Amino acid sequence: MSRVLVTGGAGFIGSHIAQALLGRGDEVRILDDFSTGYERNVEAVGPVELIRGSVTDLPTVREAVEGCDYVYHEAALASVPRSIDDPLSSNEVNVQGTLNVLVAARDAGVKRLIYAASSSAYGDSEVLPKVETMKEAPKSPYAVAKLAGEHYVSVFAQVYGMQTLSLRYFNVFGPRQDPDSPYAAVIPLFIDAILEGRAPTIHGDGGQSRDFTYIDNVVHANLLALEAPKLSGEVVNVALGERITLNRLYEELASIIGSDVEAVHGPPRVGDVRHSQADIARVTELLGYRSQVPVEEGLRRTVEWYRQWKAQEE
């Protein structure tokens, strides 16, 4: 049994990782300031130690890391549009916060740190699939900040001998993803609108495509990262390895829900990339990763969760 810190554990991805760790018998501590996370997510995880605070406050981070064997750094201010609206807070949380976590983990003698990196690092390169050896080309303050975090994670391995790994997530979706934030991701927005009989907006022509990755695949990769041989700042993609257009995604969701409401199209969003798809050979080789849940099944599970959640809320 290990003691594991999950920063951002009240959030969508962090809470699923924390729940999986608890399920395998680890002691779990969560650090979260609830700026984007929820009490309900922590309750869904189970009995964990909760520290309320921000990764931007180094003394709080030191307290959270103390006595932990492993750290999952999931805390972030996500969203490209949010970072465009407010690049300063994006930098403070995603860069300074990451550096704080690394410093605290180094000083506490943590065995291994796993960092939630982002596929936004690749930018809008026309080359598909995205391979980790490609030159990064971030298109937004969010992408720049998450990439800076990656570099810090790798440098701490090189300079201080820490065992670290960056997992570049590709468009993660699933239960607990917030549909109510002004910066909500596309799948919860689509589901929320369809369930309420509203026409959601697709930004652009809908031909843009993404490697939508169900949350169980991401959790699987994160758990494998604890068992992998010695790590030294590597960067790997975590995804399904396939892509689907937003138009096709909407059709799938409408079919699952049983709706004939048609989406409306709006102007493209600044900072968005046209196509995204991951090469997953490296994560397969390094961690033994295999995608667990295809996108269609993931969408069905997600819709079912939102239906139950909305019924409880009413």
C-alpha atoms as a PDB file:
ATOM      1  CA  MET A   1       0.000   0.000   0.000  1.00  0.00           C
ATOM      2  CA  SER A   2       1.297   3.433  -0.982  1.00  0.00           C
ATOM      3  CA  ARG A   3       0.372   6.954   0.039  1.00  0.00           C
ATOM      4  CA  VAL A   4      -0.480   8.984  -3.041  1.00  0.00           C
ATOM      5  CA  LEU A   5      -1.203  12.679  -3.517  1.00  0.00           C
ATOM      6  CA  VAL A   6      -3.556  13.697  -6.312  1.00  0.00           C
ATOM      7  CA  THR A   7      -3.495  17.434  -6.953  1.00  0.00           C
ATOM      8  CA  GLY A   8      -6.757  18.560  -8.502  1.00  0.00           C
ATOM      9  CA  GLY A   9      -8.426  15.468  -7.093  1.00  0.00           C
ATOM     10  CA  ALA A  10     -11.805  17.205  -6.865  1.00  0.00           C
ATOM     11  CA  GLY A  11     -11.783  17.682 -10.619  1.00  0.00           C
ATOM     12  CA  PHE A  12     -12.968  15.444 -13.436  1.00  0.00           C
ATOM     13  CA  ILE A  13      -9.810  13.482 -14.235  1.00  0.00           C
ATOM     14  CA  GLY A  14      -8.209  13.769 -10.811  1.00  0.00           C
ATOM     15  CA  SER A  15     -11.227  12.317  -9.014  1.00  0.00           C
ATOM     16  CA  HIS A  16     -11.277   9.271 -11.295  1.00  0.00           C
ATOM     17  CA  ILE A  17      -7.571   8.639 -10.691  1.00  0.00           C
ATOM     18  CA  ALA A  18      -8.068   9.047  -6.934  1.00  0.00           C
ATOM     19  CA  GLN A  19     -10.991   6.620  -6.981  1.00  0.00           C
ATOM     20  CA  ALA A  20      -8.959   4.009  -8.873  1.00  0.00           C
ATOM     21  CA  LEU A  21      -6.049   4.362  -6.440  1.00  0.00           C
ATOM     22  CA  LEU A  22      -8.380   3.954  -3.483  1.00  0.00           C
ATOM     23  CA  GLY A  23      -9.908   0.915  -5.150  1.00  0.00           C
ATOM     24  CA  ARG A  24      -6.530  -0.808  -5.341  1.00  0.00           C
ATOM     25  CA  GLY A  25      -5.829  -0.190  -1.666  1.00  0.00           C
ATOM     26  CA  ASP A  26      -3.694   2.944  -1.648  1.00  0.00           C
ATOM     27  CA  GLU A  27      -4.011   5.778   0.860  1.00  0.00           C
ATOM     28  CA  VAL A  28      -5.110   8.823  -1.095  1.00  0.00           C
ATOM     29  CA  ARG A  29      -4.673  12.496  -0.279  1.00  0.00           C
ATOM     30  CA  ILE A  30      -6.290  15.194  -2.420  1.00  0.00           C
ATOM     31  CA  LEU A  31      -5.137  18.790  -2.759  1.00  0.00           C
ATOM     32  CA  ASP A  32      -7.709  21.064  -4.378  1.00  0.00           C
ATOM     33  CA  ASP A  33      -8.857  24.661  -4.039  1.00  0.00           C
ATOM     34  CA  PHE A  34     -12.277  23.900  -5.591  1.00  0.00           C
ATOM     35  CA  SER A  35     -11.926  26.690  -8.141  1.00  0.00           C
ATOM     36  CA  THR A  36     -13.065  24.206 -10.792  1.00  0.00           C
ATOM     37  CA  GLY A  37     -13.497  21.005  -8.758  1.00  0.00           C
ATOM     38  CA  TYR A  38     -16.530  19.875  -6.759  1.00  0.00           C
ATOM     39  CA  GLU A  39     -17.315  18.449  -3.343  1.00  0.00           C
ATOM     40  CA  ARG A  40     -19.537  15.879  -5.063  1.00  0.00           C
ATOM     41  CA  ASN A  41     -16.534  14.485  -6.923  1.00  0.00           C
ATOM     42  CA  VAL A  42     -14.601  13.974  -3.688  1.00  0.00           C
ATOM     43  CA  GLU A  43     -17.637  12.269  -2.156  1.00  0.00           C
ATOM     44  CA  ALA A  44     -17.802   9.950  -5.178  1.00  0.00           C
ATOM     45  CA  VAL A  45     -14.152   8.981  -4.698  1.00  0.00           C
ATOM     46  CA  GLY A  46     -14.599   7.653  -1.161  1.00  0.00           C
ATOM     47  CA  PRO A  47     -12.657   8.062   2.097  1.00  0.00           C
ATOM     48  CA  VAL A  48      -9.659  10.260   1.303  1.00  0.00           C
ATOM     49  CA  GLU A  49      -7.663  12.893   3.148  1.00  0.00           C
ATOM     50  CA  LEU A  50      -8.558  16.314   1.769  1.00  0.00           C
ATOM     51  CA  ILE A  51      -6.370  19.402   1.924  1.00  0.00           C
ATOM     52  CA  ARG A  52      -8.045  22.569   0.718  1.00  0.00           C
ATOM     53  CA  GLY A  53      -5.608  24.853  -0.996  1.00  0.00           C
ATOM     54  CA  SER A  54      -3.977  25.890  -4.231  1.00  0.00           C
ATOM     55  CA  VAL A  55      -0.873  24.574  -5.949  1.00  0.00           C
ATOM     56  CA  THR A  56       0.150  28.223  -6.274  1.00  0.00           C
ATOM     57  CA  ASP A  57       0.840  28.312  -2.511  1.00  0.00           C
ATOM     58  CA  LEU A  58       4.127  26.501  -1.870  1.00  0.00           C
ATOM     59  CA  PRO A  59       3.702  25.976   1.911  1.00  0.00           C
ATOM     60  CA  THR A  60       0.339  24.296   1.282  1.00  0.00           C
ATOM     61  CA  VAL A  61       1.852  22.113  -1.422  1.00  0.00           C
ATOM     62  CA  ARG A  62       4.670  21.089   0.928  1.00  0.00           C
ATOM     63  CA  GLU A  63       2.084  20.070   3.522  1.00  0.00           C
ATOM     64  CA  ALA A  64       0.188  18.041   0.941  1.00  0.00           C
ATOM     65  CA  VAL A  65       3.257  16.219  -0.375  1.00  0.00           C
ATOM     66  CA  GLU A  66       4.695  15.380   3.054  1.00  0.00           C
ATOM     67  CA  GLY A  67       4.830  11.621   3.615  1.00  0.00           C
ATOM     68  CA  CYS A  68       3.616  10.699   0.130  1.00  0.00           C
ATOM     69  CA  ASP A  69       5.259   8.028  -2.018  1.00  0.00           C
ATOM     70  CA  TYR A  70       3.808   9.193  -5.323  1.00  0.00           C
ATOM     71  CA  VAL A  71       2.276  12.353  -6.777  1.00  0.00           C
ATOM     72  CA  TYR A  72      -0.223  12.734  -9.591  1.00  0.00           C
ATOM     73  CA  HIS A  73      -0.209  16.356 -10.658  1.00  0.00           C
ATOM     74  CA  GLU A  74      -3.633  16.853 -12.232  1.00  0.00           C
ATOM     75  CA  ALA A  75      -4.394  20.344 -10.903  1.00  0.00           C
ATOM     76  CA  ALA A  76      -4.679  22.916 -13.693  1.00  0.00           C
ATOM     77  CA  LEU A  77      -6.718  25.744 -15.084  1.00  0.00           C
ATOM     78  CA  ALA A  78      -7.820  23.960 -18.222  1.00  0.00           C
ATOM     79  CA  SER A  79      -9.406  25.362 -21.395  1.00  0.00           C
ATOM     80  CA  VAL A  80      -7.914  27.196 -24.336  1.00  0.00           C
ATOM     81  CA  PRO A  81     -10.592  29.943 -24.318  1.00  0.00           C
ATOM     82  CA  ARG A  82     -10.086  30.543 -20.582  1.00  0.00           C
ATOM     83  CA  SER A  83      -6.356  31.025 -21.123  1.00  0.00           C
ATOM     84  CA  ILE A  84      -6.991  33.471 -23.955  1.00  0.00           C
ATOM     85  CA  ASP A  85      -9.323  35.461 -21.710  1.00  0.00           C
ATOM     86  CA  ASP A  86      -6.910  35.360 -18.770  1.00  0.00           C
ATOM     87  CA  PRO A  87      -3.345  34.287 -19.626  1.00  0.00           C
ATOM     88  CA  LEU A  88      -1.954  35.454 -16.265  1.00  0.00           C
ATOM     89  CA  SER A  89      -3.969  33.032 -14.144  1.00  0.00           C
ATOM     90  CA  SER A  90      -3.295  30.249 -16.638  1.00  0.00           C
ATOM     91  CA  ASN A  91       0.425  30.821 -16.207  1.00  0.00           C
ATOM     92  CA  GLU A  92       0.240  31.134 -12.422  1.00  0.00           C
ATOM     93  CA  VAL A  93      -1.581  27.842 -11.929  1.00  0.00           C
ATOM     94  CA  ASN A  94      -0.227  25.778 -14.808  1.00  0.00           C
ATOM     95  CA  VAL A  95       3.416  26.890 -14.684  1.00  0.00           C
ATOM     96  CA  GLN A  96       4.154  28.237 -11.195  1.00  0.00           C
ATOM     97  CA  GLY A  97       1.827  25.673  -9.641  1.00  0.00           C
ATOM     98  CA  THR A  98       3.600  22.845 -11.436  1.00  0.00           C
ATOM     99  CA  LEU A  99       6.994  24.147 -10.352  1.00  0.00           C
ATOM    100  CA  ASN A 100       5.764  24.318  -6.748  1.00  0.00           C
ATOM    101  CA  VAL A 101       4.611  20.703  -6.883  1.00  0.00           C
ATOM    102  CA  LEU A 102       7.929  19.574  -8.357  1.00  0.00           C
ATOM    103  CA  VAL A 103       9.984  21.436  -5.750  1.00  0.00           C
ATOM    104  CA  ALA A 104       7.881  20.089  -2.899  1.00  0.00           C
ATOM    105  CA  ALA A 105       8.016  16.544  -4.288  1.00  0.00           C
ATOM    106  CA  ARG A 106      11.777  16.750  -4.732  1.00  0.00           C
ATOM    107  CA  ASP A 107      12.331  18.000  -1.196  1.00  0.00           C
ATOM    108  CA  ALA A 108      10.000  15.373   0.286  1.00  0.00           C
ATOM    109  CA  GLY A 109      11.762  12.513  -1.493  1.00  0.00           C
ATOM    110  CA  VAL A 110       8.734  11.414  -3.504  1.00  0.00           C
ATOM    111  CA  LYS A 111       9.450   8.219  -5.461  1.00  0.00           C
ATOM    112  CA  ARG A 112       7.686   9.216  -8.673  1.00  0.00           C
ATOM    113  CA  LEU A 113       5.668  12.117 -10.095  1.00  0.00           C
ATOM    114  CA  ILE A 114       3.171  11.763 -12.951  1.00  0.00           C
ATOM    115  CA  TYR A 115       2.174  14.971 -14.756  1.00  0.00           C
ATOM    116  CA  ALA A 116      -1.028  15.611 -16.687  1.00  0.00           C
ATOM    117  CA  ALA A 117       0.317  17.106 -19.917  1.00  0.00           C
ATOM    118  CA  SER A 118      -1.771  18.176 -22.901  1.00  0.00           C
ATOM    119  CA  SER A 119      -2.037  17.336 -26.593  1.00  0.00           C
ATOM    120  CA  SER A 120      -2.398  21.083 -27.179  1.00  0.00           C
ATOM    121  CA  ALA A 121       1.413  21.142 -27.242  1.00  0.00           C
ATOM    122  CA  TYR A 122       1.316  19.888 -30.827  1.00  0.00           C
ATOM    123  CA  GLY A 123      -0.614  22.888 -32.109  1.00  0.00           C
ATOM    124  CA  ASP A 124      -2.088  22.791 -35.601  1.00  0.00           C
ATOM    125  CA  SER A 125       0.441  20.690 -37.474  1.00  0.00           C
ATOM    126  CA  GLU A 126      -1.160  18.929 -40.436  1.00  0.00           C
ATOM    127  CA  VAL A 127       0.884  15.800 -39.752  1.00  0.00           C
ATOM    128  CA  LEU A 128      -1.237  12.965 -38.333  1.00  0.00           C
ATOM    129  CA  PRO A 129      -1.023  11.097 -36.093  1.00  0.00           C
ATOM    130  CA  LYS A 130       0.803  13.247 -33.542  1.00  0.00           C
ATOM    131  CA  VAL A 131       4.089  11.628 -32.494  1.00  0.00           C
ATOM    132  CA  GLU A 132       6.023  12.684 -29.394  1.00  0.00           C
ATOM    133  CA  THR A 133       9.128  13.452 -31.461  1.00  0.00           C
ATOM    134  CA  MET A 134       7.309  16.177 -33.435  1.00  0.00           C
ATOM    135  CA  LYS A 135       8.259  19.794 -32.862  1.00  0.00           C
ATOM    136  CA  GLU A 136       5.801  21.424 -30.463  1.00  0.00           C
ATOM    137  CA  ALA A 137       3.815  24.384 -31.768  1.00  0.00           C
ATOM    138  CA  PRO A 138       1.431  25.660 -29.040  1.00  0.00           C
ATOM    139  CA  LYS A 139      -1.316  28.008 -30.244  1.00  0.00           C
ATOM    140  CA  SER A 140      -2.712  29.327 -26.971  1.00  0.00           C
ATOM    141  CA  PRO A 141      -1.503  30.503 -23.551  1.00  0.00           C
ATOM    142  CA  TYR A 142      -2.903  27.263 -22.097  1.00  0.00           C
ATOM    143  CA  ALA A 143      -0.844  25.163 -24.502  1.00  0.00           C
ATOM    144  CA  VAL A 144       2.290  27.196 -23.749  1.00  0.00           C
ATOM    145  CA  ALA A 145       1.778  26.813 -19.998  1.00  0.00           C
ATOM    146  CA  LYS A 146       1.170  23.063 -20.123  1.00  0.00           C
ATOM    147  CA  LEU A 147       4.210  22.596 -22.349  1.00  0.00           C
ATOM    148  CA  ALA A 148       6.321  24.643 -19.941  1.00  0.00           C
ATOM    149  CA  GLY A 149       5.176  22.276 -17.202  1.00  0.00           C
ATOM    150  CA  GLU A 150       6.338  19.334 -19.319  1.00  0.00           C
ATOM    151  CA  HIS A 151       9.779  20.865 -19.671  1.00  0.00           C
ATOM    152  CA  TYR A 152      10.016  21.424 -15.925  1.00  0.00           C
ATOM    153  CA  VAL A 153       8.979  17.811 -15.288  1.00  0.00           C
ATOM    154  CA  SER A 154      11.677  16.524 -17.651  1.00  0.00           C
ATOM    155  CA  VAL A 155      14.358  18.866 -16.296  1.00  0.00           C
ATOM    156  CA  PHE A 156      13.679  17.787 -12.706  1.00  0.00           C
ATOM    157  CA  ALA A 157      14.399  14.221 -13.842  1.00  0.00           C
ATOM    158  CA  GLN A 158      17.646  15.258 -15.519  1.00  0.00           C
ATOM    159  CA  VAL A 159      18.926  17.655 -12.856  1.00  0.00           C
ATOM    160  CA  TYR A 160      17.644  16.126  -9.622  1.00  0.00           C
ATOM    161  CA  GLY A 161      17.302  12.470 -10.598  1.00  0.00           C
ATOM    162  CA  MET A 162      13.564  12.405  -9.912  1.00  0.00           C
ATOM    163  CA  GLN A 163      11.435   9.745 -11.553  1.00  0.00           C
ATOM    164  CA  THR A 164       8.912  11.702 -13.614  1.00  0.00           C
ATOM    165  CA  LEU A 165       6.592  11.132 -16.555  1.00  0.00           C
ATOM    166  CA  SER A 166       4.375  13.433 -18.611  1.00  0.00           C
ATOM    167  CA  LEU A 167       1.176  11.976 -20.051  1.00  0.00           C
ATOM    168  CA  ARG A 168      -0.179  14.049 -22.948  1.00  0.00           C
ATOM    169  CA  TYR A 169      -3.937  13.628 -22.661  1.00  0.00           C
ATOM    170  CA  PHE A 170      -6.075  13.852 -25.798  1.00  0.00           C
ATOM    171  CA  ASN A 171      -9.616  15.218 -25.312  1.00  0.00           C
ATOM    172  CA  VAL A 172     -10.603  13.214 -22.259  1.00  0.00           C
ATOM    173  CA  PHE A 173     -14.328  12.744 -21.593  1.00  0.00           C
ATOM    174  CA  GLY A 174     -16.605  10.811 -19.275  1.00  0.00           C
ATOM    175  CA  PRO A 175     -18.711  11.003 -16.097  1.00  0.00           C
ATOM    176  CA  ARG A 176     -18.205  14.039 -13.799  1.00  0.00           C
ATOM    177  CA  GLN A 177     -17.023  16.341 -16.588  1.00  0.00           C
ATOM    178  CA  ASP A 178     -18.594  19.715 -15.845  1.00  0.00           C
ATOM    179  CA  PRO A 179     -21.244  20.865 -18.360  1.00  0.00           C
ATOM    180  CA  ASP A 180     -22.010  24.113 -16.525  1.00  0.00           C
ATOM    181  CA  SER A 181     -18.680  25.945 -16.742  1.00  0.00           C
ATOM    182  CA  PRO A 182     -18.440  28.771 -19.293  1.00  0.00           C
ATOM    183  CA  TYR A 183     -15.374  26.874 -20.520  1.00  0.00           C
ATOM    184  CA  ALA A 184     -16.982  23.433 -20.580  1.00  0.00           C
ATOM    185  CA  ALA A 185     -15.704  20.810 -23.007  1.00  0.00           C
ATOM    186  CA  VAL A 186     -17.711  19.884 -26.077  1.00  0.00           C
ATOM    187  CA  ILE A 187     -19.071  16.459 -25.058  1.00  0.00           C
ATOM    188  CA  PRO A 188     -20.748  17.530 -21.781  1.00  0.00           C
ATOM    189  CA  LEU A 189     -22.067  20.615 -23.568  1.00  0.00           C
ATOM    190  CA  PHE A 190     -23.575  18.492 -26.349  1.00  0.00           C
ATOM    191  CA  ILE A 191     -25.095  15.973 -23.932  1.00  0.00           C
ATOM    192  CA  ASP A 192     -26.512  18.652 -21.672  1.00  0.00           C
ATOM    193  CA  ALA A 193     -28.142  20.457 -24.605  1.00  0.00           C
ATOM    194  CA  ILE A 194     -29.584  17.329 -26.230  1.00  0.00           C
ATOM    195  CA  LEU A 195     -31.045  16.039 -22.948  1.00  0.00           C
ATOM    196  CA  GLU A 196     -32.767  19.401 -22.497  1.00  0.00           C
ATOM    197  CA  GLY A 197     -33.984  19.540 -26.092  1.00  0.00           C
ATOM    198  CA  ARG A 198     -31.756  22.497 -27.002  1.00  0.00           C
ATOM    199  CA  ALA A 199     -29.672  22.882 -30.141  1.00  0.00           C
ATOM    200  CA  PRO A 200     -25.982  23.033 -29.192  1.00  0.00           C
ATOM    201  CA  THR A 201     -23.515  25.169 -31.113  1.00  0.00           C
ATOM    202  CA  ILE A 202     -20.702  23.608 -33.107  1.00  0.00           C
ATOM    203  CA  HIS A 203     -17.897  26.128 -33.563  1.00  0.00           C
ATOM    204  CA  GLY A 204     -16.915  26.141 -37.220  1.00  0.00           C
ATOM    205  CA  ASP A 205     -18.108  23.696 -39.882  1.00  0.00           C
ATOM    206  CA  GLY A 206     -17.860  20.640 -37.618  1.00  0.00           C
ATOM    207  CA  GLY A 207     -15.288  18.995 -39.853  1.00  0.00           C
ATOM    208  CA  GLN A 208     -12.597  19.400 -37.233  1.00  0.00           C
ATOM    209  CA  SER A 209     -11.663  16.105 -35.616  1.00  0.00           C
ATOM    210  CA  ARG A 210     -10.396  14.982 -32.234  1.00  0.00           C
ATOM    211  CA  ASP A 211      -9.013  11.866 -30.594  1.00  0.00           C
ATOM    212  CA  PHE A 212     -11.721  11.693 -27.926  1.00  0.00           C
ATOM    213  CA  THR A 213     -10.461   9.494 -25.097  1.00  0.00           C
ATOM    214  CA  TYR A 214     -12.782   7.955 -22.516  1.00  0.00           C
ATOM    215  CA  ILE A 215     -11.684   8.493 -18.916  1.00  0.00           C
ATOM    216  CA  ASP A 216     -11.085   4.786 -18.200  1.00  0.00           C
ATOM    217  CA  ASN A 217      -8.288   4.772 -20.790  1.00  0.00           C
ATOM    218  CA  VAL A 218      -6.597   7.686 -19.027  1.00  0.00           C
ATOM    219  CA  VAL A 219      -6.938   6.074 -15.602  1.00  0.00           C
ATOM    220  CA  HIS A 220      -5.486   2.854 -17.025  1.00  0.00           C
ATOM    221  CA  ALA A 221      -2.400   4.718 -18.285  1.00  0.00           C
ATOM    222  CA  ASN A 222      -1.951   6.513 -14.972  1.00  0.00           C
ATOM    223  CA  LEU A 223      -2.043   3.290 -12.959  1.00  0.00           C
ATOM    224  CA  LEU A 224       0.415   1.632 -15.344  1.00  0.00           C
ATOM    225  CA  ALA A 225       2.751   4.592 -14.781  1.00  0.00           C
ATOM    226  CA  LEU A 226       3.198   3.517 -11.146  1.00  0.00           C
ATOM    227  CA  GLU A 227       4.353   0.048 -12.165  1.00  0.00           C
ATOM    228  CA  ALA A 228       6.620   0.954 -15.106  1.00  0.00           C
ATOM    229  CA  PRO A 229      10.392   0.487 -14.901  1.00  0.00           C
ATOM    230  CA  LYS A 230      12.473   3.503 -13.931  1.00  0.00           C
ATOM    231  CA  LEU A 231      11.188   6.719 -15.501  1.00  0.00           C
ATOM    232  CA  SER A 232      13.290   9.734 -16.388  1.00  0.00           C
ATOM    233  CA  GLY A 233      11.183  12.601 -17.669  1.00  0.00           C
ATOM    234  CA  GLU A 234       9.641  10.827 -20.658  1.00  0.00           C
ATOM    235  CA  VAL A 235       6.668  12.272 -22.541  1.00  0.00           C
ATOM    236  CA  VAL A 236       3.984   9.984 -23.981  1.00  0.00           C
ATOM    237  CA  ASN A 237       0.590  10.375 -25.619  1.00  0.00           C
ATOM    238  CA  VAL A 238      -2.459   8.938 -23.877  1.00  0.00           C
ATOM    239  CA  ALA A 239      -5.361   8.517 -26.257  1.00  0.00           C
ATOM    240  CA  LEU A 240      -7.501   6.103 -28.220  1.00  0.00           C
ATOM    241  CA  GLY A 241      -5.374   6.528 -31.337  1.00  0.00           C
ATOM    242  CA  GLU A 242      -8.396   7.307 -33.517  1.00  0.00           C
ATOM    243  CA  ARG A 243     -10.295  10.475 -34.428  1.00  0.00           C
ATOM    244  CA  ILE A 244     -13.869  11.537 -35.049  1.00  0.00           C
ATOM    245  CA  THR A 245     -15.266  14.802 -36.420  1.00  0.00           C
ATOM    246  CA  LEU A 246     -17.482  16.994 -34.270  1.00  0.00           C
ATOM    247  CA  ASN A 247     -20.335  16.502 -36.739  1.00  0.00           C
ATOM    248  CA  ARG A 248     -20.034  12.723 -36.392  1.00  0.00           C
ATOM    249  CA  LEU A 249     -19.691  13.022 -32.634  1.00  0.00           C
ATOM    250  CA  TYR A 250     -22.949  14.966 -32.478  1.00  0.00           C
ATOM    251  CA  GLU A 251     -24.718  12.397 -34.638  1.00  0.00           C
ATOM    252  CA  GLU A 252     -23.535   9.600 -32.325  1.00  0.00           C
ATOM    253  CA  LEU A 253     -24.760  11.405 -29.210  1.00  0.00           C
ATOM    254  CA  ALA A 254     -28.109  12.318 -30.766  1.00  0.00           C
ATOM    255  CA  SER A 255     -28.577   8.680 -31.785  1.00  0.00           C
ATOM    256  CA  ILE A 256     -27.695   7.366 -28.307  1.00  0.00           C
ATOM    257  CA  ILE A 257     -30.068   9.820 -26.627  1.00  0.00           C
ATOM    258  CA  GLY A 258     -32.769   9.436 -29.282  1.00  0.00           C
ATOM    259  CA  SER A 259     -32.977  13.070 -30.355  1.00  0.00           C
ATOM    260  CA  ASP A 260     -33.612  14.681 -33.726  1.00  0.00           C
ATOM    261  CA  VAL A 261     -32.534  18.161 -32.604  1.00  0.00           C
ATOM    262  CA  GLU A 262     -30.027  19.540 -35.098  1.00  0.00           C
ATOM    263  CA  ALA A 263     -26.954  21.436 -33.990  1.00  0.00           C
ATOM    264  CA  VAL A 264     -26.308  24.996 -35.141  1.00  0.00           C
ATOM    265  CA  HIS A 265     -22.958  26.230 -36.389  1.00  0.00           C
ATOM    266  CA  GLY A 266     -21.135  29.287 -35.080  1.00  0.00           C
ATOM    267  CA  PRO A 267     -17.807  30.942 -35.890  1.00  0.00           C
ATOM    268  CA  PRO A 268     -14.602  28.955 -35.235  1.00  0.00           C
ATOM    269  CA  ARG A 269     -12.925  29.505 -31.853  1.00  0.00           C
ATOM    270  CA  VAL A 270      -9.622  31.309 -31.627  1.00  0.00           C
ATOM    271  CA  GLY A 271      -6.765  28.963 -30.743  1.00  0.00           C
ATOM    272  CA  ASP A 272      -8.536  25.763 -31.789  1.00  0.00           C
ATOM    273  CA  VAL A 273      -6.653  23.214 -33.883  1.00  0.00           C
ATOM    274  CA  ARG A 274      -8.260  21.609 -36.922  1.00  0.00           C
ATOM    275  CA  HIS A 275      -7.355  17.949 -36.440  1.00  0.00           C
ATOM    276  CA  SER A 276      -5.888  15.928 -33.606  1.00  0.00           C
ATOM    277  CA  GLN A 277      -5.029  12.247 -33.402  1.00  0.00           C
ATOM    278  CA  ALA A 278      -2.402  10.495 -31.325  1.00  0.00           C
ATOM    279  CA  ASP A 279       0.194   7.921 -32.141  1.00  0.00           C
ATOM    280  CA  ILE A 280       0.117   5.617 -29.108  1.00  0.00           C
ATOM    281  CA  ALA A 281       3.078   3.371 -29.942  1.00  0.00           C
ATOM    282  CA  ARG A 282       5.351   4.990 -27.365  1.00  0.00           C
ATOM    283  CA  VAL A 283       2.964   4.693 -24.412  1.00  0.00           C
ATOM    284  CA  THR A 284       2.287   1.100 -25.434  1.00  0.00           C
ATOM    285  CA  GLU A 285       6.006   0.335 -25.423  1.00  0.00           C
ATOM    286  CA  LEU A 286       6.862   2.233 -22.227  1.00  0.00           C
ATOM    287  CA  LEU A 287       3.853   1.371 -20.065  1.00  0.00           C
ATOM    288  CA  GLY A 288       2.209  -1.605 -21.758  1.00  0.00           C
ATOM    289  CA  TYR A 289      -0.835   0.589 -22.408  1.00  0.00           C
ATOM    290  CA  ARG A 290      -3.813  -0.692 -24.398  1.00  0.00           C
ATOM    291  CA  SER A 291      -6.934   1.403 -24.890  1.00  0.00           C
ATOM    292  CA  GLN A 292      -9.746  -0.091 -22.823  1.00  0.00           C
ATOM    293  CA  VAL A 293     -12.936   1.586 -24.035  1.00  0.00           C
ATOM    294  CA  PRO A 294     -13.771   2.696 -27.620  1.00  0.00           C
ATOM    295  CA  VAL A 295     -15.351   6.086 -28.163  1.00  0.00           C
ATOM    296  CA  GLU A 296     -18.879   4.804 -28.921  1.00  0.00           C
ATOM    297  CA  GLU A 297     -19.029   2.772 -25.706  1.00  0.00           C
ATOM    298  CA  GLY A 298     -17.551   5.677 -23.781  1.00  0.00           C
ATOM    299  CA  LEU A 299     -20.250   7.983 -25.122  1.00  0.00           C
ATOM    300  CA  ARG A 300     -22.975   5.535 -24.068  1.00  0.00           C
ATOM    301  CA  ARG A 301     -21.563   5.292 -20.539  1.00  0.00           C
ATOM    302  CA  THR A 302     -21.223   9.054 -20.315  1.00  0.00           C
ATOM    303  CA  VAL A 303     -24.781   9.718 -21.473  1.00  0.00           C
ATOM    304  CA  GLU A 304     -26.111   7.226 -18.940  1.00  0.00           C
ATOM    305  CA  TRP A 305     -24.192   8.956 -16.137  1.00  0.00           C
ATOM    306  CA  TYR A 306     -25.519  12.389 -17.111  1.00  0.00           C
ATOM    307  CA  ARG A 307     -29.070  11.058 -17.257  1.00  0.00           C
ATOM    308  CA  GLN A 308     -28.748   9.681 -13.721  1.00  0.00           C
ATOM    309  CA  TRP A 309     -27.037  12.825 -12.455  1.00  0.00           C
ATOM    310  CA  LYS A 310     -29.722  15.099 -13.898  1.00  0.00           C
ATOM    311  CA  ALA A 311     -32.437  12.920 -12.379  1.00  0.00           C
ATOM    312  CA  GLN A 312     -30.820  13.295  -8.953  1.00  0.00           C
ATOM    313  CA  GLU A 313     -30.484  17.042  -9.397  1.00  0.00           C
ATOM    314  CA  GLU A 314     -34.196  17.500 -10.151  1.00  0.00           C
END
